[in-house]
Structures are given as C-alpha cells and as structure tokens.
C-alpha cells in the first residue's frame, strides 16, 4: 500500500517543540515533560534545545497503536543484501563439463 505524499505547510512542521507536543496530545506541561522523558519517545537533542521529529513521532504513535494487536510486527525486520559490486567474471566451464550435460 503506497501512502500519498504529504504537503509540508507552515501548520505541519518537520519538528515539534514541547508546546506543540502539548497541543498535539491536549495535555499539560507536566504530563508532556513526563511523556518526552520516556526512553522510547523520539527526540532530537541539540544543546539547549529539545525537538521532536514529526515523522518519527507518527511512526512511534503507530507502533503504540498496534502494540498487542494482530497487526503488531513480531518478526525482526528482513536483512536486505545488495548485489555485489561488478568485477571480473568467473571462469568459463571446461569443455568436459559442457559435454556432461
């Protein structure tokens, strides 16, 4: 399922501050501070500033919503192996191997 691209607008910033987190969840400052202090909560920390990436926050919300349901991913993510770099081709089969087929 392909998701429709979202338009970035001034009302939809890429990162949120604490006040935006408060308004997103309709909670007070104390509860917001408790929420962002959780280890699982997505945070970008720059000295003196705490910012919360919106896309990471949406993914975190989805994970919380799916927790304990049939849709919760239980298997580890698949390992993706890329093709090897192009190099010298291997040896050609000998004539006796071709005749044996």
PDB file of N, CA and C in Angstrom:
ATOM      1  N   UNK A   1       0.843  -1.168   0.000  1.00  0.00           N
ATOM      2  CA  UNK A   1       0.000   0.000   0.000  1.00  0.00           C
ATOM      3  C   UNK A   1       0.891   1.234   0.000  1.00  0.00           C
ATOM      4  N   UNK A   2       0.686   2.090  -0.954  1.00  0.00           N
ATOM      5  CA  UNK A   2       1.519   3.289  -1.082  1.00  0.00           C
ATOM      6  C   UNK A   2       0.802   4.472  -0.462  1.00  0.00           C
ATOM      7  N   UNK A   3       1.530   5.207   0.347  1.00  0.00           N
ATOM      8  CA  UNK A   3       0.946   6.360   1.028  1.00  0.00           C
ATOM      9  C   UNK A   3       1.052   7.585   0.136  1.00  0.00           C
ATOM     10  N   UNK A   4       0.002   8.381   0.123  1.00  0.00           N
ATOM     11  CA  UNK A   4       0.011   9.604  -0.670  1.00  0.00           C
ATOM     12  C   UNK A   4       1.008  10.588  -0.064  1.00  0.00           C
ATOM     13  N   UNK A   5       1.764  11.289  -0.906  1.00  0.00           N
ATOM     14  CA  UNK A   5       2.723  12.256  -0.360  1.00  0.00           C
ATOM     15  C   UNK A   5       2.013  13.365   0.385  1.00  0.00           C
ATOM     16  N   UNK A   6       2.615  13.784   1.478  1.00  0.00           N
ATOM     17  CA  UNK A   6       2.036  14.852   2.279  1.00  0.00           C
ATOM     18  C   UNK A   6       2.695  16.165   1.922  1.00  0.00           C
ATOM     19  N   UNK A   7       1.908  17.191   1.929  1.00  0.00           N
ATOM     20  CA  UNK A   7       2.478  18.501   1.641  1.00  0.00           C
ATOM     21  C   UNK A   7       2.972  19.122   2.938  1.00  0.00           C
ATOM     22  N   UNK A   8       4.153  19.692   2.872  1.00  0.00           N
ATOM     23  CA  UNK A   8       4.704  20.387   4.031  1.00  0.00           C
ATOM     24  C   UNK A   8       4.158  21.813   4.030  1.00  0.00           C
ATOM     25  N   UNK A   9       3.524  22.194   5.106  1.00  0.00           N
ATOM     26  CA  UNK A   9       2.991  23.544   5.210  1.00  0.00           C
ATOM     27  C   UNK A   9       3.440  24.120   6.546  1.00  0.00           C
ATOM     28  N   UNK A  10       3.346  25.416   6.720  1.00  0.00           N
ATOM     29  CA  UNK A  10       3.741  26.013   7.993  1.00  0.00           C
ATOM     30  C   UNK A  10       2.988  25.430   9.187  1.00  0.00           C
ATOM     31  N   UNK A  11       1.749  24.953   8.968  1.00  0.00           N
ATOM     32  CA  UNK A  11       0.992  24.357  10.066  1.00  0.00           C
ATOM     33  C   UNK A  11       1.417  22.921  10.331  1.00  0.00           C
ATOM     34  N   UNK A  12       2.258  22.330   9.475  1.00  0.00           N
ATOM     35  CA  UNK A  12       2.730  20.954   9.613  1.00  0.00           C
ATOM     36  C   UNK A  12       4.258  20.964   9.614  1.00  0.00           C
ATOM     37  N   UNK A  13       4.887  21.390  10.727  1.00  0.00           N
ATOM     38  CA  UNK A  13       6.341  21.497  10.748  1.00  0.00           C
ATOM     39  C   UNK A  13       7.010  20.125  10.786  1.00  0.00           C
ATOM     40  N   UNK A  14       8.274  20.074  10.416  1.00  0.00           N
ATOM     41  CA  UNK A  14       9.027  18.822  10.412  1.00  0.00           C
ATOM     42  C   UNK A  14       9.399  18.399  11.827  1.00  0.00           C
ATOM     43  N   UNK A  15       9.579  19.355  12.717  1.00  0.00           N
ATOM     44  CA  UNK A  15       9.894  19.050  14.121  1.00  0.00           C
ATOM     45  C   UNK A  15       8.953  19.831  15.033  1.00  0.00           C
ATOM     46  N   UNK A  16       8.698  19.260  16.194  1.00  0.00           N
ATOM     47  CA  UNK A  16       7.817  19.897  17.167  1.00  0.00           C
ATOM     48  C   UNK A  16       8.621  20.308  18.394  1.00  0.00           C
ATOM     49  N   UNK A  17       8.169  21.341  19.053  1.00  0.00           N
ATOM     50  CA  UNK A  17       8.747  21.699  20.343  1.00  0.00           C
ATOM     51  C   UNK A  17       7.777  21.211  21.421  1.00  0.00           C
ATOM     52  N   UNK A  18       8.093  21.465  22.674  1.00  0.00           N
ATOM     53  CA  UNK A  18       7.273  20.947  23.775  1.00  0.00           C
ATOM     54  C   UNK A  18       5.846  21.495  23.718  1.00  0.00           C
ATOM     55  N   UNK A  19       5.689  22.757  23.370  1.00  0.00           N
ATOM     56  CA  UNK A  19       4.349  23.343  23.289  1.00  0.00           C
ATOM     57  C   UNK A  19       3.522  22.663  22.200  1.00  0.00           C
ATOM     58  N   UNK A  20       4.154  22.318  21.088  1.00  0.00           N
ATOM     59  CA  UNK A  20       3.441  21.625  20.010  1.00  0.00           C
ATOM     60  C   UNK A  20       3.052  20.211  20.429  1.00  0.00           C
ATOM     61  N   UNK A  21       3.910  19.547  21.204  1.00  0.00           N
ATOM     62  CA  UNK A  21       3.580  18.223  21.731  1.00  0.00           C
ATOM     63  C   UNK A  21       2.384  18.339  22.675  1.00  0.00           C
ATOM     64  N   UNK A  22       2.386  19.375  23.512  1.00  0.00           N
ATOM     65  CA  UNK A  22       1.265  19.608  24.420  1.00  0.00           C
ATOM     66  C   UNK A  22      -0.045  19.772  23.651  1.00  0.00           C
ATOM     67  N   UNK A  23      -0.030  20.580  22.612  1.00  0.00           N
ATOM     68  CA  UNK A  23      -1.261  20.809  21.858  1.00  0.00           C
ATOM     69  C   UNK A  23      -1.646  19.581  21.036  1.00  0.00           C
ATOM     70  N   UNK A  24      -0.679  18.815  20.553  1.00  0.00           N
ATOM     71  CA  UNK A  24      -0.972  17.612  19.764  1.00  0.00           C
ATOM     72  C   UNK A  24      -1.743  16.589  20.600  1.00  0.00           C
ATOM     73  N   UNK A  25      -1.316  16.407  21.841  1.00  0.00           N
ATOM     74  CA  UNK A  25      -1.947  15.406  22.708  1.00  0.00           C
ATOM     75  C   UNK A  25      -2.948  16.007  23.689  1.00  0.00           C
ATOM     76  N   UNK A  26      -3.105  17.334  23.668  1.00  0.00           N
ATOM     77  CA  UNK A  26      -4.030  18.047  24.565  1.00  0.00           C
ATOM     78  C   UNK A  26      -3.733  17.702  26.020  1.00  0.00           C
ATOM     79  N   UNK A  27      -2.460  17.886  26.389  1.00  0.00           N
ATOM     80  CA  UNK A  27      -2.011  17.614  27.753  1.00  0.00           C
ATOM     81  C   UNK A  27      -1.299  18.844  28.295  1.00  0.00           C
ATOM     82  N   UNK A  28      -1.127  18.875  29.592  1.00  0.00           N
ATOM     83  CA  UNK A  28      -0.442  19.986  30.227  1.00  0.00           C
ATOM     84  C   UNK A  28       1.072  19.830  30.171  1.00  0.00           C
ATOM     85  N   UNK A  29       1.757  20.824  30.695  1.00  0.00           N
ATOM     86  CA  UNK A  29       3.219  20.858  30.643  1.00  0.00           C
ATOM     87  C   UNK A  29       3.848  19.705  31.432  1.00  0.00           C
ATOM     88  N   UNK A  30       3.351  19.414  32.633  1.00  0.00           N
ATOM     89  CA  UNK A  30       3.927  18.358  33.464  1.00  0.00           C
ATOM     90  C   UNK A  30       3.801  17.004  32.772  1.00  0.00           C
ATOM     91  N   UNK A  31       2.645  16.685  32.238  1.00  0.00           N
ATOM     92  CA  UNK A  31       2.434  15.409  31.553  1.00  0.00           C
ATOM     93  C   UNK A  31       3.268  15.348  30.275  1.00  0.00           C
ATOM     94  N   UNK A  32       3.402  16.467  29.572  1.00  0.00           N
ATOM     95  CA  UNK A  32       4.233  16.498  28.369  1.00  0.00           C
ATOM     96  C   UNK A  32       5.694  16.239  28.710  1.00  0.00           C
ATOM     97  N   UNK A  33       6.163  16.811  29.812  1.00  0.00           N
ATOM     98  CA  UNK A  33       7.547  16.565  30.236  1.00  0.00           C
ATOM     99  C   UNK A  33       7.756  15.098  30.613  1.00  0.00           C
ATOM    100  N   UNK A  34       6.765  14.477  31.250  1.00  0.00           N
ATOM    101  CA  UNK A  34       6.848  13.056  31.567  1.00  0.00           C
ATOM    102  C   UNK A  34       6.879  12.217  30.288  1.00  0.00           C
ATOM    103  N   UNK A  35       6.062  12.597  29.311  1.00  0.00           N
ATOM    104  CA  UNK A  35       5.994  11.864  28.053  1.00  0.00           C
ATOM    105  C   UNK A  35       7.314  11.922  27.292  1.00  0.00           C
ATOM    106  N   UNK A  36       7.874  13.111  27.141  1.00  0.00           N
ATOM    107  CA  UNK A  36       9.108  13.245  26.364  1.00  0.00           C
ATOM    108  C   UNK A  36      10.315  12.697  27.113  1.00  0.00           C
ATOM    109  N   UNK A  37      10.191  12.464  28.424  1.00  0.00           N
ATOM    110  CA  UNK A  37      11.285  11.880  29.198  1.00  0.00           C
ATOM    111  C   UNK A  37      11.360  10.364  29.011  1.00  0.00           C
ATOM    112  N   UNK A  38      10.327   9.761  28.413  1.00  0.00           N
ATOM    113  CA  UNK A  38      10.345   8.316  28.164  1.00  0.00           C
ATOM    114  C   UNK A  38      11.459   7.984  27.183  1.00  0.00           C
ATOM    115  N   UNK A  39      12.133   6.876  27.422  1.00  0.00           N
ATOM    116  CA  UNK A  39      13.246   6.462  26.559  1.00  0.00           C
ATOM    117  C   UNK A  39      12.760   6.191  25.139  1.00  0.00           C
ATOM    118  N   UNK A  40      11.561   5.647  24.987  1.00  0.00           N
ATOM    119  CA  UNK A  40      11.039   5.284  23.666  1.00  0.00           C
ATOM    120  C   UNK A  40      10.590   6.483  22.835  1.00  0.00           C
ATOM    121  N   UNK A  41      10.390   7.616  23.473  1.00  0.00           N
ATOM    122  CA  UNK A  41       9.864   8.790  22.771  1.00  0.00           C
ATOM    123  C   UNK A  41      10.927   9.358  21.833  1.00  0.00           C
ATOM    124  N   UNK A  42      10.599   9.540  20.536  1.00  0.00           N
ATOM    125  CA  UNK A  42      11.590  10.039  19.572  1.00  0.00           C
ATOM    126  C   UNK A  42      11.984  11.491  19.854  1.00  0.00           C
ATOM    127  N   UNK A  43      13.289  11.721  20.017  1.00  0.00           N
ATOM    128  CA  UNK A  43      13.783  13.043  20.381  1.00  0.00           C
ATOM    129  C   UNK A  43      15.060  13.360  19.620  1.00  0.00           C
ATOM    130  N   UNK A  44      15.215  14.590  19.201  1.00  0.00           N
ATOM    131  CA  UNK A  44      16.478  15.128  18.706  1.00  0.00           C
ATOM    132  C   UNK A  44      16.913  16.183  19.707  1.00  0.00           C
ATOM    133  N   UNK A  45      18.093  16.001  20.267  1.00  0.00           N
ATOM    134  CA  UNK A  45      18.574  16.952  21.265  1.00  0.00           C
ATOM    135  C   UNK A  45      19.774  17.698  20.704  1.00  0.00           C
ATOM    136  N   UNK A  46      19.636  18.997  20.630  1.00  0.00           N
ATOM    137  CA  UNK A  46      20.721  19.896  20.290  1.00  0.00           C
ATOM    138  C   UNK A  46      20.989  20.649  21.583  1.00  0.00           C
ATOM    139  N   UNK A  47      22.230  20.911  21.929  1.00  0.00           N
ATOM    140  CA  UNK A  47      22.476  21.581  23.212  1.00  0.00           C
ATOM    141  C   UNK A  47      21.554  22.781  23.422  1.00  0.00           C
ATOM    142  N   UNK A  48      20.785  22.696  24.473  1.00  0.00           N
ATOM    143  CA  UNK A  48      19.874  23.780  24.807  1.00  0.00           C
ATOM    144  C   UNK A  48      18.501  23.671  24.169  1.00  0.00           C
ATOM    145  N   UNK A  49      18.295  22.718  23.241  1.00  0.00           N
ATOM    146  CA  UNK A  49      17.004  22.590  22.560  1.00  0.00           C
ATOM    147  C   UNK A  49      16.602  21.123  22.483  1.00  0.00           C
ATOM    148  N   UNK A  50      15.358  20.846  22.742  1.00  0.00           N
ATOM    149  CA  UNK A  50      14.784  19.521  22.542  1.00  0.00           C
ATOM    150  C   UNK A  50      13.750  19.647  21.443  1.00  0.00           C
ATOM    151  N   UNK A  51      13.904  18.835  20.401  1.00  0.00           N
ATOM    152  CA  UNK A  51      12.957  18.851  19.293  1.00  0.00           C
ATOM    153  C   UNK A  51      12.487  17.431  19.056  1.00  0.00           C
ATOM    154  N   UNK A  52      11.263  17.301  18.553  1.00  0.00           N
ATOM    155  CA  UNK A  52      10.635  16.011  18.365  1.00  0.00           C
ATOM    156  C   UNK A  52      10.224  15.895  16.899  1.00  0.00           C
ATOM    157  N   UNK A  53      10.929  15.057  16.094  1.00  0.00           N
ATOM    158  CA  UNK A  53      10.641  14.940  14.660  1.00  0.00           C
ATOM    159  C   UNK A  53       9.229  14.395  14.428  1.00  0.00           C
ATOM    160  N   UNK A  54       8.477  15.079  13.608  1.00  0.00           N
ATOM    161  CA  UNK A  54       7.077  14.729  13.388  1.00  0.00           C
ATOM    162  C   UNK A  54       6.928  13.342  12.773  1.00  0.00           C
ATOM    163  N   UNK A  55       7.718  13.020  11.755  1.00  0.00           N
ATOM    164  CA  UNK A  55       7.592  11.708  11.094  1.00  0.00           C
ATOM    165  C   UNK A  55       7.948  10.575  12.055  1.00  0.00           C
ATOM    166  N   UNK A  56       8.999  10.757  12.848  1.00  0.00           N
ATOM    167  CA  UNK A  56       9.371   9.735  13.833  1.00  0.00           C
ATOM    168  C   UNK A  56       8.289   9.615  14.896  1.00  0.00           C
ATOM    169  N   UNK A  57       7.691  10.716  15.254  1.00  0.00           N
ATOM    170  CA  UNK A  57       6.617  10.712  16.244  1.00  0.00           C
ATOM    171  C   UNK A  57       5.395   9.978  15.705  1.00  0.00           C
ATOM    172  N   UNK A  58       5.071  10.188  14.433  1.00  0.00           N
ATOM    173  CA  UNK A  58       3.944   9.476  13.825  1.00  0.00           C
ATOM    174  C   UNK A  58       4.205   7.972  13.773  1.00  0.00           C
ATOM    175  N   UNK A  59       5.443   7.580  13.464  1.00  0.00           N
ATOM    176  CA  UNK A  59       5.796   6.157  13.454  1.00  0.00           C
ATOM    177  C   UNK A  59       5.702   5.572  14.861  1.00  0.00           C
ATOM    178  N   UNK A  60       6.138   6.317  15.859  1.00  0.00           N
ATOM    179  CA  UNK A  60       6.050   5.880  17.253  1.00  0.00           C
ATOM    180  C   UNK A  60       4.591   5.701  17.663  1.00  0.00           C
ATOM    181  N   UNK A  61       3.738   6.652  17.266  1.00  0.00           N
ATOM    182  CA  UNK A  61       2.310   6.566  17.571  1.00  0.00           C
ATOM    183  C   UNK A  61       1.698   5.315  16.948  1.00  0.00           C
ATOM    184  N   UNK A  62       2.082   5.006  15.714  1.00  0.00           N
ATOM    185  CA  UNK A  62       1.572   3.818  15.038  1.00  0.00           C
ATOM    186  C   UNK A  62       2.014   2.557  15.775  1.00  0.00           C
ATOM    187  N   UNK A  63       3.266   2.518  16.201  1.00  0.00           N
ATOM    188  CA  UNK A  63       3.757   1.371  16.958  1.00  0.00           C
ATOM    189  C   UNK A  63       3.003   1.189  18.267  1.00  0.00           C
ATOM    190  N   UNK A  64       2.712   2.295  18.948  1.00  0.00           N
ATOM    191  CA  UNK A  64       1.940   2.234  20.190  1.00  0.00           C
ATOM    192  C   UNK A  64       0.521   1.748  19.908  1.00  0.00           C
ATOM    193  N   UNK A  65      -0.068   2.227  18.819  1.00  0.00           N
ATOM    194  CA  UNK A  65      -1.434   1.845  18.477  1.00  0.00           C
ATOM    195  C   UNK A  65      -1.530   0.364  18.109  1.00  0.00           C
ATOM    196  N   UNK A  66      -0.500  -0.189  17.474  1.00  0.00           N
ATOM    197  CA  UNK A  66      -0.522  -1.586  17.043  1.00  0.00           C
ATOM    198  C   UNK A  66      -0.056  -2.555  18.114  1.00  0.00           C
ATOM    199  N   UNK A  67       0.511  -2.046  19.200  1.00  0.00           N
ATOM    200  CA  UNK A  67       1.047  -2.913  20.250  1.00  0.00           C
ATOM    201  C   UNK A  67      -0.052  -3.809  20.822  1.00  0.00           C
ATOM    202  N   UNK A  68       0.217  -5.108  20.838  1.00  0.00           N
ATOM    203  CA  UNK A  68      -0.732  -6.063  21.389  1.00  0.00           C
ATOM    204  C   UNK A  68      -1.832  -6.485  20.444  1.00  0.00           C
ATOM    205  N   UNK A  69      -1.794  -6.040  19.195  1.00  0.00           N
ATOM    206  CA  UNK A  69      -2.810  -6.430  18.227  1.00  0.00           C
ATOM    207  C   UNK A  69      -2.239  -7.464  17.275  1.00  0.00           C
ATOM    208  N   UNK A  70      -3.084  -7.998  16.430  1.00  0.00           N
ATOM    209  CA  UNK A  70      -2.648  -8.969  15.433  1.00  0.00           C
ATOM    210  C   UNK A  70      -1.690  -8.320  14.437  1.00  0.00           C
ATOM    211  N   UNK A  71      -1.845  -7.038  14.206  1.00  0.00           N
ATOM    212  CA  UNK A  71      -1.018  -6.336  13.229  1.00  0.00           C
ATOM    213  C   UNK A  71       0.363  -5.962  13.756  1.00  0.00           C
ATOM    214  N   UNK A  72       0.627  -6.231  15.041  1.00  0.00           N
ATOM    215  CA  UNK A  72       1.935  -5.882  15.600  1.00  0.00           C
ATOM    216  C   UNK A  72       3.023  -6.731  14.944  1.00  0.00           C
ATOM    217  N   UNK A  73       4.056  -6.095  14.422  1.00  0.00           N
ATOM    218  CA  UNK A  73       5.128  -6.881  13.814  1.00  0.00           C
ATOM    219  C   UNK A  73       5.912  -7.630  14.890  1.00  0.00           C
ATOM    220  N   UNK A  74       5.961  -8.956  14.763  1.00  0.00           N
ATOM    221  CA  UNK A  74       6.666  -9.763  15.752  1.00  0.00           C
ATOM    222  C   UNK A  74       7.994 -10.282  15.224  1.00  0.00           C
ATOM    223  N   UNK A  75       8.099 -10.415  13.931  1.00  0.00           N
ATOM    224  CA  UNK A  75       9.341 -10.914  13.348  1.00  0.00           C
ATOM    225  C   UNK A  75      10.319  -9.755  13.174  1.00  0.00           C
ATOM    226  N   UNK A  76      11.613 -10.044  13.282  1.00  0.00           N
ATOM    227  CA  UNK A  76      12.584  -8.978  13.045  1.00  0.00           C
ATOM    228  C   UNK A  76      12.532  -8.523  11.584  1.00  0.00           C
ATOM    229  N   UNK A  77      12.963  -7.327  11.377  1.00  0.00           N
ATOM    230  CA  UNK A  77      12.972  -6.771  10.019  1.00  0.00           C
ATOM    231  C   UNK A  77      13.889  -7.597   9.125  1.00  0.00           C
ATOM    232  N   UNK A  78      13.525  -7.773   7.856  1.00  0.00           N
ATOM    233  CA  UNK A  78      14.369  -8.572   6.967  1.00  0.00           C
ATOM    234  C   UNK A  78      15.695  -7.869   6.684  1.00  0.00           C
ATOM    235  N   UNK A  79      16.698  -8.683   6.460  1.00  0.00           N
ATOM    236  CA  UNK A  79      18.012  -8.155   6.115  1.00  0.00           C
ATOM    237  C   UNK A  79      18.058  -7.992   4.600  1.00  0.00           C
ATOM    238  N   UNK A  80      18.422  -6.823   4.155  1.00  0.00           N
ATOM    239  CA  UNK A  80      18.483  -6.542   2.724  1.00  0.00           C
ATOM    240  C   UNK A  80      19.934  -6.622   2.285  1.00  0.00           C
ATOM    241  N   UNK A  81      20.189  -7.510   1.329  1.00  0.00           N
ATOM    242  CA  UNK A  81      21.542  -7.698   0.811  1.00  0.00           C
ATOM    243  C   UNK A  81      21.582  -7.106  -0.589  1.00  0.00           C
ATOM    244  N   UNK A  82      22.511  -6.226  -0.802  1.00  0.00           N
ATOM    245  CA  UNK A  82      22.633  -5.611  -2.121  1.00  0.00           C
ATOM    246  C   UNK A  82      23.469  -6.488  -3.038  1.00  0.00           C
ATOM    247  N   UNK A  83      23.351  -6.254  -4.305  1.00  0.00           N
ATOM    248  CA  UNK A  83      24.118  -7.022  -5.283  1.00  0.00           C
ATOM    249  C   UNK A  83      25.608  -6.712  -5.122  1.00  0.00           C
ATOM    250  N   UNK A  84      26.449  -7.701  -5.391  1.00  0.00           N
ATOM    251  CA  UNK A  84      27.879  -7.443  -5.273  1.00  0.00           C
ATOM    252  C   UNK A  84      28.345  -6.442  -6.320  1.00  0.00           C
ATOM    253  N   UNK A  85      29.434  -5.801  -6.027  1.00  0.00           N
ATOM    254  CA  UNK A  85      29.998  -4.839  -6.976  1.00  0.00           C
ATOM    255  C   UNK A  85      30.450  -5.578  -8.238  1.00  0.00           C
ATOM    256  N   UNK A  86      30.315  -4.931  -9.388  1.00  0.00           N
ATOM    257  CA  UNK A  86      30.757  -5.599 -10.613  1.00  0.00           C
ATOM    258  C   UNK A  86      32.256  -5.866 -10.556  1.00  0.00           C
ATOM    259  N   UNK A  87      32.612  -7.000 -11.045  1.00  0.00           N
ATOM    260  CA  UNK A  87      34.025  -7.368 -11.025  1.00  0.00           C
ATOM    261  C   UNK A  87      34.352  -8.250 -12.207  1.00  0.00           C
ATOM    262  N   UNK A  88      35.422  -8.970 -12.058  1.00  0.00           N
ATOM    263  CA  UNK A  88      35.820  -9.887 -13.117  1.00  0.00           C
ATOM    264  C   UNK A  88      34.874 -11.067 -13.175  1.00  0.00           C
ATOM    265  N   UNK A  89      34.485 -11.491 -14.378  1.00  0.00           N
ATOM    266  CA  UNK A  89      33.612 -12.660 -14.461  1.00  0.00           C
ATOM    267  C   UNK A  89      34.360 -13.917 -14.027  1.00  0.00           C
ATOM    268  N   UNK A  90      33.619 -14.906 -13.608  1.00  0.00           N
ATOM    269  CA  UNK A  90      34.210 -16.166 -13.177  1.00  0.00           C
ATOM    270  C   UNK A  90      34.781 -16.955 -14.345  1.00  0.00           C
ATOM    271  N   UNK A  91      35.370 -18.082 -13.999  1.00  0.00           N
ATOM    272  CA  UNK A  91      35.940 -18.923 -15.063  1.00  0.00           C
ATOM    273  C   UNK A  91      34.830 -19.544 -15.889  1.00  0.00           C
ATOM    274  N   UNK A  92      35.146 -19.758 -17.144  1.00  0.00           N
ATOM    275  CA  UNK A  92      34.210 -20.451 -18.021  1.00  0.00           C
ATOM    276  C   UNK A  92      34.295 -21.949 -17.732  1.00  0.00           C
ATOM    277  N   UNK A  93      33.172 -22.630 -17.880  1.00  0.00           N
ATOM    278  CA  UNK A  93      33.217 -24.071 -17.642  1.00  0.00           C
ATOM    279  C   UNK A  93      34.119 -24.758 -18.675  1.00  0.00           C
ATOM    280  N   UNK A  94      34.759 -25.803 -18.223  1.00  0.00           N
ATOM    281  CA  UNK A  94      35.641 -26.530 -19.150  1.00  0.00           C
ATOM    282  C   UNK A  94      34.787 -27.282 -20.146  1.00  0.00           C
ATOM    283  N   UNK A  95      35.397 -27.723 -21.223  1.00  0.00           N
ATOM    284  CA  UNK A  95      34.675 -28.419 -22.285  1.00  0.00           C
ATOM    285  C   UNK A  95      34.101 -29.743 -21.788  1.00  0.00           C
ATOM    286  N   UNK A  96      34.781 -30.405 -20.845  1.00  0.00           N
ATOM    287  CA  UNK A  96      34.271 -31.678 -20.323  1.00  0.00           C
ATOM    288  C   UNK A  96      33.001 -31.449 -19.510  1.00  0.00           C
ATOM    289  N   UNK A  97      32.879 -30.338 -18.818  1.00  0.00           N
ATOM    290  CA  UNK A  97      31.674 -30.043 -18.048  1.00  0.00           C
ATOM    291  C   UNK A  97      30.497 -29.757 -18.978  1.00  0.00           C
ATOM    292  N   UNK A  98      30.755 -29.118 -20.107  1.00  0.00           N
ATOM    293  CA  UNK A  98      29.697 -28.853 -21.068  1.00  0.00           C
ATOM    294  C   UNK A  98      29.212 -30.135 -21.702  1.00  0.00           C
ATOM    295  N   UNK A  99      30.125 -31.072 -21.977  1.00  0.00           N
ATOM    296  CA  UNK A  99      29.751 -32.336 -22.601  1.00  0.00           C
ATOM    297  C   UNK A  99      28.972 -33.226 -21.653  1.00  0.00           C
ATOM    298  N   UNK A 100      29.145 -33.047 -20.356  1.00  0.00           N
ATOM    299  CA  UNK A 100      28.495 -33.898 -19.387  1.00  0.00           C
ATOM    300  C   UNK A 100      27.005 -33.570 -19.252  1.00  0.00           C
ATOM    301  N   UNK A 101      26.588 -32.422 -19.700  1.00  0.00           N
ATOM    302  CA  UNK A 101      25.180 -32.022 -19.580  1.00  0.00           C
ATOM    303  C   UNK A 101      24.365 -32.778 -20.521  1.00  0.00           C
TER     304      UNK A 101
END
